[in-house]
C-alpha atoms as a PDB file:
ATOM      1  CA  MET A   1      -1.948  -2.209  -8.330  1.00  0.00           C
ATOM      2  CA  ILE A   2      -5.170  -1.415  -6.064  1.00  0.00           C
ATOM      3  CA  ASN A   3      -5.933  -4.493  -4.535  1.00  0.00           C
ATOM      4  CA  ARG A   4      -8.940  -5.980  -2.075  1.00  0.00           C
ATOM      5  CA  GLU A   5      -6.239  -5.471   0.973  1.00  0.00           C
ATOM      6  CA  ILE A   6      -5.856  -1.504   0.314  1.00  0.00           C
ATOM      7  CA  ILE A   7      -9.661  -1.671  -0.466  1.00  0.00           C
ATOM      8  CA  ARG A   8     -11.001  -2.746   2.308  1.00  0.00           C
ATOM      9  CA  ILE A   9      -8.537  -0.715   4.375  1.00  0.00           C
ATOM     10  CA  LYS A  10      -9.919   2.350   2.750  1.00  0.00           C
ATOM     11  CA  ILE A  11     -13.429   1.256   3.100  1.00  0.00           C
ATOM     12  CA  VAL A  12     -13.186   0.806   6.811  1.00  0.00           C
ATOM     13  CA  GLN A  13     -11.771   4.277   6.759  1.00  0.00           C
ATOM     14  CA  LEU A  14     -14.331   5.900   4.620  1.00  0.00           C
ATOM     15  CA  THR A  15     -17.300   4.219   6.271  1.00  0.00           C
ATOM     16  CA  TYR A  16     -16.125   5.103  10.157  1.00  0.00           C
ATOM     17  CA  ALA A  17     -15.985   8.897   8.625  1.00  0.00           C
ATOM     18  CA  TYR A  18     -19.202   8.511   6.624  1.00  0.00           C
ATOM     19  CA  TYR A  19     -20.991   7.744   9.915  1.00  0.00           C
ATOM     20  CA  GLN A  20     -19.013  10.484  11.667  1.00  0.00           C
ATOM     21  CA  ASN A  21     -19.818  12.817   9.017  1.00  0.00           C
ATOM     22  CA  GLY A  22     -23.147  14.713   9.803  1.00  0.00           C
ATOM     23  CA  ASN A  23     -24.075  15.396   6.024  1.00  0.00           C
ATOM     24  CA  LYS A  24     -24.260  11.659   4.790  1.00  0.00           C
ATOM     25  CA  ASN A  25     -24.365  11.826   1.185  1.00  0.00           C
ATOM     26  CA  ILE A  26     -23.206   8.090  -0.259  1.00  0.00           C
ATOM     27  CA  ASP A  27     -22.402  10.013  -3.407  1.00  0.00           C
ATOM     28  CA  THR A  28     -19.991  12.386  -2.157  1.00  0.00           C
ATOM     29  CA  ALA A  29     -18.727   9.480  -0.028  1.00  0.00           C
ATOM     30  CA  GLU A  30     -18.248   7.323  -2.884  1.00  0.00           C
ATOM     31  CA  LYS A  31     -16.212   9.787  -4.453  1.00  0.00           C
ATOM     32  CA  GLU A  32     -14.212  10.400  -1.710  1.00  0.00           C
ATOM     33  CA  LEU A  33     -13.733   6.708  -1.742  1.00  0.00           C
ATOM     34  CA  PHE A  34     -12.185   6.269  -5.076  1.00  0.00           C
ATOM     35  CA  PHE A  35     -10.004   9.694  -4.364  1.00  0.00           C
ATOM     36  CA  SER A  36      -8.272   7.957  -1.408  1.00  0.00           C
ATOM     37  CA  LEU A  37      -7.526   4.864  -3.414  1.00  0.00           C
ATOM     38  CA  SER A  38      -6.029   6.773  -6.242  1.00  0.00           C
ATOM     39  CA  LYS A  39      -4.098   8.459  -3.857  1.00  0.00           C
ATOM     40  CA  SER A  40      -2.664   4.965  -3.146  1.00  0.00           C
ATOM     41  CA  TYR A  41      -1.423   4.819  -6.724  1.00  0.00           C
ATOM     42  CA  ASP A  42       0.063   8.022  -6.289  1.00  0.00           C
ATOM     43  CA  LEU A  43       2.191   6.939  -3.487  1.00  0.00           C
ATOM     44  CA  TYR A  44       3.220   3.912  -5.605  1.00  0.00           C
ATOM     45  CA  ASN A  45       4.454   6.266  -8.300  1.00  0.00           C
ATOM     46  CA  HIS A  46       6.384   8.688  -5.563  1.00  0.00           C
ATOM     47  CA  LEU A  47       8.350   5.717  -4.013  1.00  0.00           C
ATOM     48  CA  LEU A  48       9.645   4.908  -7.649  1.00  0.00           C
ATOM     49  CA  ALA A  49      10.359   8.445  -7.875  1.00  0.00           C
ATOM     50  CA  LEU A  50      12.448   8.259  -4.675  1.00  0.00           C
ATOM     51  CA  ILE A  51      14.821   5.787  -6.601  1.00  0.00           C
ATOM     52  CA  VAL A  52      15.320   8.230  -9.189  1.00  0.00           C
ATOM     53  CA  ALA A  53      15.974  11.280  -7.063  1.00  0.00           C
ATOM     54  CA  ILE A  54      18.511   9.310  -4.887  1.00  0.00           C
ATOM     55  CA  THR A  55      20.339   8.332  -8.246  1.00  0.00           C
ATOM     56  CA  LYS A  56      20.273  12.292  -9.275  1.00  0.00           C
ATOM     57  CA  GLU A  57      21.893  13.188  -5.734  1.00  0.00           C
ATOM     58  CA  ALA A  58      24.576  10.276  -6.205  1.00  0.00           C
ATOM     59  CA  ARG A  59      25.534  11.974  -9.419  1.00  0.00           C
ATOM     60  CA  ARG A  60      25.625  15.366  -8.379  1.00  0.00           C
ATOM     61  CA  ARG A  61      27.890  14.113  -5.633  1.00  0.00           C
ATOM     62  CA  LEU A  62      30.042  12.479  -7.870  1.00  0.00           C
ATOM     63  CA  GLU A  63      30.411  15.380 -10.304  1.00  0.00           C
ATOM     64  CA  VAL A  64      31.833  17.412  -7.052  1.00  0.00           C
ATOM     65  CA  LEU A  65      34.112  14.096  -6.232  1.00  0.00           C
ATOM     66  CA  GLN A  66      35.310  14.246  -9.624  1.00  0.00           C
ATOM     67  CA  ALA A  67      35.990  17.889  -9.986  1.00  0.00           C
ATOM     68  CA  LYS A  68      38.163  17.526  -6.914  1.00  0.00           C
ATOM     69  CA  ALA A  69      39.764  14.600  -8.162  1.00  0.00           C
ATOM     70  CA  LYS A  70      40.808  16.675 -11.208  1.00  0.00           C
ATOM     71  CA  ARG A  71      41.997  19.678  -9.080  1.00  0.00           C
ATOM     72  CA  GLU A  72      44.312  17.163  -6.866  1.00  0.00           C
ATOM     73  CA  GLY A  73      45.162  14.575  -9.456  1.00  0.00           C
ATOM     74  CA  THR A  74      43.732  12.019  -7.364  1.00  0.00           C
ATOM     75  CA  GLU A  75      42.060   8.488  -8.496  1.00  0.00           C
ATOM     76  CA  GLU A  76      38.564   9.297 -10.240  1.00  0.00           C
ATOM     77  CA  PRO A  77      35.692   8.108  -7.695  1.00  0.00           C
ATOM     78  CA  SER A  78      33.477   5.168  -9.003  1.00  0.00           C
ATOM     79  CA  GLN A  79      30.596   5.854 -11.092  1.00  0.00           C
ATOM     80  CA  LYS A  80      28.991   2.582 -10.799  1.00  0.00           C
ATOM     81  CA  PHE A  81      25.979   3.553  -8.305  1.00  0.00           C
ATOM     82  CA  ALA A  82      25.504   7.144  -9.910  1.00  0.00           C
ATOM     83  CA  TYR A  83      24.641   5.267 -13.580  1.00  0.00           C
ATOM     84  CA  ASN A  84      23.155   1.946 -12.196  1.00  0.00           C
ATOM     85  CA  ARG A  85      21.205   0.625 -15.213  1.00  0.00           C
ATOM     86  CA  PHE A  86      18.148  -0.216 -13.549  1.00  0.00           C
ATOM     87  CA  ALA A  87      17.882   3.356 -12.004  1.00  0.00           C
ATOM     88  CA  LEU A  88      18.671   5.253 -15.182  1.00  0.00           C
ATOM     89  CA  GLN A  89      16.110   2.898 -16.947  1.00  0.00           C
ATOM     90  CA  LEU A  90      13.369   4.033 -14.353  1.00  0.00           C
ATOM     91  CA  GLU A  91      14.592   7.822 -14.667  1.00  0.00           C
ATOM     92  CA  SER A  92      13.539   7.400 -18.254  1.00  0.00           C
ATOM     93  CA  ASN A  93      10.188   5.793 -17.684  1.00  0.00           C
ATOM     94  CA  ARG A  94       7.520   7.529 -19.680  1.00  0.00           C
ATOM     95  CA  GLN A  95       4.855   6.407 -17.335  1.00  0.00           C
ATOM     96  CA  LEU A  96       6.903   7.952 -14.441  1.00  0.00           C
ATOM     97  CA  ALA A  97       8.023  11.052 -16.296  1.00  0.00           C
ATOM     98  CA  ASP A  98       4.297  11.687 -17.096  1.00  0.00           C
ATOM     99  CA  PHE A  99       3.274  11.201 -13.116  1.00  0.00           C
ATOM    100  CA  MET A 100       5.983  13.139 -11.833  1.00  0.00           C
ATOM    101  CA  GLU A 101       4.711  16.409 -14.161  1.00  0.00           C
ATOM    102  CA  THR A 102       1.438  16.241 -12.677  1.00  0.00           C
ATOM    103  CA  GLN A 103       2.894  16.598  -9.353  1.00  0.00           C
ATOM    104  CA  LYS A 104       3.249  19.558  -7.289  1.00  0.00           C
ATOM    105  CA  ARG A 105       5.368  18.347  -4.603  1.00  0.00           C
ATOM    106  CA  THR A 106       8.387  16.066  -5.323  1.00  0.00           C
ATOM    107  CA  TRP A 107      11.341  14.691  -3.669  1.00  0.00           C
ATOM    108  CA  SER A 108      13.402  17.764  -4.713  1.00  0.00           C
ATOM    109  CA  ASP A 109      11.421  19.485  -2.277  1.00  0.00           C
ATOM    110  CA  TYR A 110      12.914  17.383   0.766  1.00  0.00           C
ATOM    111  CA  PRO A 111      16.864  17.613  -0.538  1.00  0.00           C
ATOM    112  CA  GLU A 112      18.082  16.913   3.037  1.00  0.00           C
ATOM    113  CA  PHE A 113      15.887  13.907   3.273  1.00  0.00           C
ATOM    114  CA  VAL A 114      17.025  12.492  -0.100  1.00  0.00           C
ATOM    115  CA  GLY A 115      20.818  13.456   0.888  1.00  0.00           C
ATOM    116  CA  LYS A 116      20.581  11.657   4.280  1.00  0.00           C
ATOM    117  CA  LEU A 117      19.237   8.630   2.525  1.00  0.00           C
ATOM    118  CA  PHE A 118      22.079   8.645  -0.029  1.00  0.00           C
ATOM    119  CA  GLU A 119      24.381   8.626   2.963  1.00  0.00           C
ATOM    120  CA  GLN A 120      22.986   5.636   4.549  1.00  0.00           C
ATOM    121  CA  ILE A 121      23.093   3.805   1.302  1.00  0.00           C
ATOM    122  CA  GLU A 122      26.545   4.625   0.948  1.00  0.00           C
ATOM    123  CA  GLN A 123      27.629   3.651   4.116  1.00  0.00           C
ATOM    124  CA  SER A 124      25.950   0.480   4.136  1.00  0.00           C
ATOM    125  CA  GLN A 125      27.517  -3.125   3.188  1.00  0.00           C
ATOM    126  CA  MET A 126      25.630  -4.119   0.671  1.00  0.00           C
ATOM    127  CA  TYR A 127      26.673  -0.734  -1.384  1.00  0.00           C
ATOM    128  CA  LYS A 128      30.374  -1.467  -0.759  1.00  0.00           C
ATOM    129  CA  ASP A 129      30.130  -4.969  -1.743  1.00  0.00           C
ATOM    130  CA  TYR A 130      28.408  -3.745  -4.953  1.00  0.00           C
ATOM    131  CA  LEU A 131      31.342  -1.457  -5.848  1.00  0.00           C
ATOM    132  CA  ALA A 132      33.845  -3.978  -5.406  1.00  0.00           C
ATOM    133  CA  ASP A 133      31.922  -6.658  -6.952  1.00  0.00           C
ATOM    134  CA  SER A 134      33.572  -7.500 -10.350  1.00  0.00           C
ATOM    135  CA  GLU A 135      30.157  -8.356 -11.842  1.00  0.00           C
ATOM    136  CA  ASP A 136      28.736  -5.156 -13.639  1.00  0.00           C
ATOM    137  CA  ASN A 137      25.646  -6.134 -15.490  1.00  0.00           C
ATOM    138  CA  TYR A 138      21.682  -5.028 -15.357  1.00  0.00           C
ATOM    139  CA  ALA A 139      20.695  -7.646 -13.231  1.00  0.00           C
ATOM    140  CA  ALA A 140      23.365  -6.612 -10.603  1.00  0.00           C
ATOM    141  CA  ASP A 141      22.022  -3.234 -10.680  1.00  0.00           C
ATOM    142  CA  ARG A 142      18.534  -4.465 -10.434  1.00  0.00           C
ATOM    143  CA  GLU A 143      19.171  -6.817  -7.270  1.00  0.00           C
ATOM    144  CA  LEU A 144      21.076  -4.117  -5.572  1.00  0.00           C
ATOM    145  CA  TRP A 145      18.131  -1.163  -5.600  1.00  0.00           C
ATOM    146  CA  ARG A 146      15.766  -4.471  -4.507  1.00  0.00           C
ATOM    147  CA  ARG A 147      18.061  -4.870  -1.476  1.00  0.00           C
ATOM    148  CA  ILE A 148      18.242  -1.099  -0.673  1.00  0.00           C
ATOM    149  CA  TYR A 149      14.507  -0.934  -1.095  1.00  0.00           C
ATOM    150  CA  ARG A 150      13.879  -3.902   1.211  1.00  0.00           C
ATOM    151  CA  THR A 151      16.654  -2.626   3.861  1.00  0.00           C
ATOM    152  CA  LEU A 152      16.640   1.274   3.847  1.00  0.00           C
ATOM    153  CA  ILE A 153      13.276   2.317   2.427  1.00  0.00           C
ATOM    154  CA  GLN A 154      10.590  -0.214   3.440  1.00  0.00           C
ATOM    155  CA  GLU A 155      11.624  -0.176   7.227  1.00  0.00           C
ATOM    156  CA  ASN A 156      12.314   3.857   7.540  1.00  0.00           C
ATOM    157  CA  ASP A 157      10.905   5.750  10.432  1.00  0.00           C
ATOM    158  CA  ASP A 158      12.259   8.805   8.803  1.00  0.00           C
ATOM    159  CA  LEU A 159      10.547   8.165   5.448  1.00  0.00           C
ATOM    160  CA  ASP A 160       7.166   7.033   7.299  1.00  0.00           C
ATOM    161  CA  ALA A 161       6.925  10.259   9.066  1.00  0.00           C
ATOM    162  CA  LEU A 162       7.505  12.455   5.898  1.00  0.00           C
ATOM    163  CA  LEU A 163       4.928  10.571   4.156  1.00  0.00           C
ATOM    164  CA  GLU A 164       2.661  11.550   6.693  1.00  0.00           C
ATOM    165  CA  GLU A 165       3.142  14.803   6.627  1.00  0.00           C
ATOM    166  CA  GLN A 166       2.943  15.240   2.810  1.00  0.00           C
ATOM    167  CA  SER A 167       0.174  13.070   2.721  1.00  0.00           C
ATOM    168  CA  LEU A 168      -3.072  12.322   5.220  1.00  0.00           C
ATOM    169  CA  TYR A 169      -4.013   9.335   2.939  1.00  0.00           C
ATOM    170  CA  TRP A 170      -0.724   7.641   2.830  1.00  0.00           C
ATOM    171  CA  ASN A 171      -0.492   6.950   6.776  1.00  0.00           C
ATOM    172  CA  ASP A 172      -1.999   3.098   6.059  1.00  0.00           C
ATOM    173  CA  ASP A 173      -0.852   2.458   2.689  1.00  0.00           C
ATOM    174  CA  LYS A 174       3.117   1.944   2.662  1.00  0.00           C
ATOM    175  CA  GLU A 175       3.465  -1.446   4.044  1.00  0.00           C
ATOM    176  CA  VAL A 176       0.759  -2.763   1.080  1.00  0.00           C
ATOM    177  CA  VAL A 177       2.219  -0.579  -1.420  1.00  0.00           C
ATOM    178  CA  ASP A 178       5.690  -1.413  -0.653  1.00  0.00           C
ATOM    179  CA  THR A 179       5.350  -5.033  -1.949  1.00  0.00           C
ATOM    180  CA  PHE A 180       4.423  -3.442  -5.018  1.00  0.00           C
ATOM    181  CA  VAL A 181       7.090  -1.489  -5.755  1.00  0.00           C
ATOM    182  CA  LEU A 182       9.713  -4.359  -4.848  1.00  0.00           C
ATOM    183  CA  LYS A 183       7.285  -6.208  -7.747  1.00  0.00           C
ATOM    184  CA  THR A 184       7.866  -3.451 -10.056  1.00  0.00           C
ATOM    185  CA  ILE A 185      11.486  -3.637  -9.498  1.00  0.00           C
ATOM    186  CA  LYS A 186      11.662  -7.350 -10.063  1.00  0.00           C
ATOM    187  CA  ARG A 187       9.597  -7.253 -13.609  1.00  0.00           C
ATOM    188  CA  PHE A 188      12.024  -4.563 -14.854  1.00  0.00           C
ATOM    189  CA  ASP A 189      13.517  -5.824 -17.946  1.00  0.00           C
ATOM    190  CA  GLU A 190      16.660  -4.096 -19.428  1.00  0.00           C
ATOM    191  CA  LYS A 191      15.528  -4.384 -22.959  1.00  0.00           C
ATOM    192  CA  ASN A 192      11.853  -2.640 -22.561  1.00  0.00           C
ATOM    193  CA  GLY A 193      13.939   0.634 -22.244  1.00  0.00           C
ATOM    194  CA  ASP A 194      11.560   3.928 -21.109  1.00  0.00           C
ATOM    195  CA  LYS A 195       8.552   2.062 -22.281  1.00  0.00           C
ATOM    196  CA  GLN A 196       9.162  -0.413 -19.532  1.00  0.00           C
ATOM    197  CA  GLU A 197       5.296  -0.634 -18.081  1.00  0.00           C
ATOM    198  CA  LEU A 198       4.328   0.064 -14.372  1.00  0.00           C
ATOM    199  CA  LEU A 199       1.508  -1.455 -12.675  1.00  0.00           C
ATOM    200  CA  PRO A 200      -1.822  -0.082 -13.870  1.00  0.00           C
ATOM    201  CA  GLU A 201      -3.809   1.514 -11.147  1.00  0.00           C
ATOM    202  CA  TYR A 202      -6.334  -1.305 -11.339  1.00  0.00           C
ATOM    203  CA  ASP A 203      -5.527  -4.741 -12.590  1.00  0.00           C
ATOM    204  CA  SER A 204      -9.107  -4.918 -13.720  1.00  0.00           C
ATOM    205  CA  GLU A 205     -12.660  -2.832 -13.756  1.00  0.00           C
ATOM    206  CA  GLU A 206     -13.514  -5.985 -11.483  1.00  0.00           C
ATOM    207  CA  GLU A 207     -11.758  -4.241  -8.896  1.00  0.00           C
ATOM    208  CA  ARG A 208     -13.397  -1.005  -8.848  1.00  0.00           C
ATOM    209  CA  ASP A 209     -16.755  -2.613  -9.089  1.00  0.00           C
ATOM    210  CA  TYR A 210     -15.918  -4.897  -5.905  1.00  0.00           C
ATOM    211  CA  ALA A 211     -14.856  -1.294  -4.341  1.00  0.00           C
ATOM    212  CA  ARG A 212     -18.380   0.193  -5.345  1.00  0.00           C
ATOM    213  CA  LYS A 213     -20.305  -2.762  -4.380  1.00  0.00           C
ATOM    214  CA  LEU A 214     -18.849  -3.197  -1.106  1.00  0.00           C
ATOM    215  CA  PHE A 215     -19.047   0.290   0.155  1.00  0.00           C
ATOM    216  CA  ARG A 216     -22.574   0.833  -1.063  1.00  0.00           C
ATOM    217  CA  ALA A 217     -23.727  -2.614   0.175  1.00  0.00           C
ATOM    218  CA  THR A 218     -22.307  -1.421   3.782  1.00  0.00           C
ATOM    219  CA  ILE A 219     -24.125   1.653   3.992  1.00  0.00           C
ATOM    220  CA  LEU A 220     -27.178   0.929   2.163  1.00  0.00           C
ATOM    221  CA  ASN A 221     -28.182  -2.492   4.212  1.00  0.00           C
ATOM    222  CA  ALA A 222     -26.563  -1.195   7.430  1.00  0.00           C
ATOM    223  CA  ASP A 223     -29.978  -1.884   9.462  1.00  0.00           C
ATOM    224  CA  ASP A 224     -30.313  -5.564   8.425  1.00  0.00           C
ATOM    225  CA  TYR A 225     -26.564  -6.055   8.757  1.00  0.00           C
ATOM    226  CA  GLN A 226     -26.541  -4.336  12.855  1.00  0.00           C
ATOM    227  CA  HIS A 227     -29.793  -6.608  13.390  1.00  0.00           C
ATOM    228  CA  MET A 228     -27.672  -9.656  12.377  1.00  0.00           C
ATOM    229  CA  MET A 229     -25.032  -8.556  14.913  1.00  0.00           C
ATOM    230  CA  THR A 230     -27.652  -7.708  17.617  1.00  0.00           C
ATOM    231  CA  GLU A 231     -28.821 -11.712  16.981  1.00  0.00           C
ATOM    232  CA  ALA A 232     -25.382 -13.031  17.221  1.00  0.00           C
ATOM    233  CA  SER A 233     -24.356 -11.116  20.523  1.00  0.00           C
ATOM    234  CA  ARG A 234     -27.271 -12.049  22.454  1.00  0.00           C
ATOM    235  CA  ASN A 235     -24.725 -12.495  25.788  1.00  0.00           C
ATOM    236  CA  TRP A 236     -23.264  -9.376  24.797  1.00  0.00           C
ATOM    237  CA  ASP A 237     -24.618  -5.850  25.194  1.00  0.00           C
ATOM    238  CA  PHE A 238     -24.353  -4.940  21.617  1.00  0.00           C
ATOM    239  CA  SER A 239     -24.425  -1.278  22.341  1.00  0.00           C
ATOM    240  CA  ARG A 240     -21.317  -1.193  24.206  1.00  0.00           C
ATOM    241  CA  LEU A 241     -19.331  -2.481  21.217  1.00  0.00           C
ATOM    242  CA  ALA A 242     -16.574  -0.719  20.071  1.00  0.00           C
ATOM    243  CA  TYR A 243     -17.681   1.396  17.246  1.00  0.00           C
ATOM    244  CA  MET A 244     -15.321   0.352  15.314  1.00  0.00           C
ATOM    245  CA  ASP A 245     -15.858  -3.401  15.644  1.00  0.00           C
ATOM    246  CA  VAL A 246     -19.107  -2.631  14.527  1.00  0.00           C
ATOM    247  CA  ILE A 247     -18.311  -1.140  11.143  1.00  0.00           C
ATOM    248  CA  ILE A 248     -15.812  -3.778  10.582  1.00  0.00           C
ATOM    249  CA  MET A 249     -18.270  -6.578  10.914  1.00  0.00           C
ATOM    250  CA  GLN A 250     -20.830  -4.361   8.878  1.00  0.00           C
ATOM    251  CA  ILE A 251     -18.343  -4.494   6.074  1.00  0.00           C
ATOM    252  CA  ALA A 252     -17.381  -8.214   6.549  1.00  0.00           C
ATOM    253  CA  ILE A 253     -21.380  -9.045   6.376  1.00  0.00           C
ATOM    254  CA  ALA A 254     -21.710  -6.949   3.122  1.00  0.00           C
ATOM    255  CA  GLU A 255     -18.586  -8.867   1.683  1.00  0.00           C
ATOM    256  CA  MET A 256     -20.527 -12.108   2.502  1.00  0.00           C
ATOM    257  CA  LEU A 257     -23.391 -11.562   0.887  1.00  0.00           C
ATOM    258  CA  THR A 258     -22.695  -9.350  -1.919  1.00  0.00           C
ATOM    259  CA  PHE A 259     -19.436 -11.316  -3.446  1.00  0.00           C
ATOM    260  CA  PRO A 260     -20.524 -15.279  -3.598  1.00  0.00           C
ATOM    261  CA  SER A 261     -17.129 -15.788  -5.059  1.00  0.00           C
ATOM    262  CA  ILE A 262     -15.174 -15.065  -1.848  1.00  0.00           C
ATOM    263  CA  PRO A 263     -14.940 -17.770   0.677  1.00  0.00           C
ATOM    264  CA  ILE A 264     -16.187 -16.959   4.243  1.00  0.00           C
ATOM    265  CA  SER A 265     -12.940 -18.048   5.719  1.00  0.00           C
ATOM    266  CA  VAL A 266     -10.916 -15.347   3.745  1.00  0.00           C
ATOM    267  CA  THR A 267     -13.551 -12.678   4.638  1.00  0.00           C
ATOM    268  CA  ILE A 268     -13.590 -13.257   8.143  1.00  0.00           C
ATOM    269  CA  ASN A 269      -9.599 -13.544   8.479  1.00  0.00           C
ATOM    270  CA  GLU A 270      -9.139 -10.192   6.836  1.00  0.00           C
ATOM    271  CA  PHE A 271     -11.586  -8.018   8.791  1.00  0.00           C
ATOM    272  CA  VAL A 272     -10.209  -9.620  12.265  1.00  0.00           C
ATOM    273  CA  GLU A 273      -6.848  -8.479  10.829  1.00  0.00           C
ATOM    274  CA  LEU A 274      -8.010  -5.427  10.509  1.00  0.00           C
ATOM    275  CA  ALA A 275      -9.603  -5.397  13.611  1.00  0.00           C
ATOM    276  CA  LYS A 276      -6.430  -5.776  15.515  1.00  0.00           C
ATOM    277  CA  ILE A 277      -5.266  -2.759  13.459  1.00  0.00           C
ATOM    278  CA  TYR A 278      -8.194  -0.399  14.201  1.00  0.00           C
ATOM    279  CA  SER A 279      -9.564  -1.467  17.011  1.00  0.00           C
ATOM    280  CA  THR A 280      -9.178  -2.804  20.906  1.00  0.00           C
ATOM    281  CA  PRO A 281      -6.691  -5.620  21.519  1.00  0.00           C
ATOM    282  CA  ARG A 282     -10.199  -8.123  22.492  1.00  0.00           C
ATOM    283  CA  SER A 283     -11.919  -7.342  18.951  1.00  0.00           C
ATOM    284  CA  GLY A 284     -10.100  -9.701  16.753  1.00  0.00           C
ATOM    285  CA  ALA A 285     -11.217 -12.341  18.866  1.00  0.00           C
ATOM    286  CA  TYR A 286     -14.439 -11.238  19.313  1.00  0.00           C
ATOM    287  CA  ILE A 287     -14.997 -10.230  15.816  1.00  0.00           C
ATOM    288  CA  ASN A 288     -14.031 -13.453  14.543  1.00  0.00           C
ATOM    289  CA  GLY A 289     -16.384 -15.597  16.975  1.00  0.00           C
ATOM    290  CA  MET A 290     -19.644 -12.955  16.011  1.00  0.00           C
ATOM    291  CA  LEU A 291     -18.892 -13.170  12.079  1.00  0.00           C
ATOM    292  CA  ASP A 292     -18.417 -17.142  12.569  1.00  0.00           C
ATOM    293  CA  ALA A 293     -21.826 -17.397  14.037  1.00  0.00           C
ATOM    294  CA  ILE A 294     -23.370 -14.747  11.502  1.00  0.00           C
ATOM    295  CA  ALA A 295     -22.074 -16.890   8.848  1.00  0.00           C
ATOM    296  CA  HIS A 296     -23.418 -20.355  10.134  1.00  0.00           C
ATOM    297  CA  HIS A 297     -26.753 -18.511  10.810  1.00  0.00           C
ATOM    298  CA  LEU A 298     -27.011 -17.406   6.998  1.00  0.00           C
ATOM    299  CA  ILE A 299     -26.006 -20.557   5.663  1.00  0.00           C
ATOM    300  CA  ASP A 300     -28.688 -22.448   7.695  1.00  0.00           C
ATOM    301  CA  THR A 301     -31.274 -19.788   6.721  1.00  0.00           C
ATOM    302  CA  GLY A 302     -30.457 -20.078   2.922  1.00  0.00           C
ATOM    303  CA  ARG A 303     -29.432 -16.723   2.858  1.00  0.00           C
ATOM    304  CA  LEU A 304     -25.917 -17.142   2.120  1.00  0.00           C
ATOM    305  CA  MET A 305     -25.325 -20.188  -0.649  1.00  0.00           C
ATOM    306  CA  LYS A 306     -21.554 -20.785   0.335  1.00  0.00           C
ATOM    307  CA  HIS A 307     -19.825 -23.718   2.260  1.00  0.00           C
ATOM    308  CA  MET A 308     -18.241 -22.587   5.608  1.00  0.00           C
ATOM    309  CA  GLU A 309     -14.734 -23.642   5.306  1.00  0.00           C
ATOM    310  CA  LYS A 310     -12.278 -23.912   8.601  1.00  0.00           C
ATOM    311  CA  ASN A 311     -11.710 -20.314   9.716  1.00  0.00           C
ATOM    312  CA  ASN A 312      -7.742 -20.076  10.842  1.00  0.00           C
ATOM    313  CA  ASN A 313      -8.614 -18.053  13.367  1.00  0.00           C
ATOM    314  CA  THR A 314     -10.628 -20.035  15.256  1.00  0.00           C
END
């Protein structure tokens, strides 16, 4: 699950923290990097568990309504949502259950939030259409939760605030992790039952190696990379650059030189986008020009054996 987009974000954050920390120990910093990445995977599981928590809340409220209907001799309420096949399969998932057993904090600690979110779902048109639809099968159940997630969970300011309160590591992760939750919902197959595989923490050892090598190259070759920036910014006072700009370019140069399989244009585009988020409004355009100039210089001097593709940001 942890991909290079998440890894780049974490390395920007941890490299910045490394230089702000008076005790600069690269081994300690690397452990913090991998701990921070593991928290992204925790968030993935935590968001899947939210679906389970909402379903349990729906069943709790259903039982109250059923008891009331029995007392008053009125029509029984629909059980369709509370016993949604996809949600029940997720609730029984062994991997998710194992994860939840390791957590000190679960959604049961936030009943007001879960209850409010269920009420928002209950009031939505897609929920009403789902209950009214004669189609009653696993695919329809799974599709409902995909739509709920995209509509009411993916863009949810209250949830974002709550997650930030729960863990500082989750501040910038949710947008990326949401895509993996949606991918997981789509991949669920009824026949797999409680053995349905969730996404692994890392797709391969290659991603762990990428994180380790990129972080270490960034720190260990800092003087060399900053010299390249100074050379490329002759018309600028390098000392007046935003500190985050320097950090981002340092990591981008490390990626260019350390990973021959990653196209230069991909590296530049990815770090320009990060600059727009983490640095000043003008940083994206400036970093784009600087990295482009540095890449051309490295190619011309034989230090970088890559083809220079057209950069989408130029």
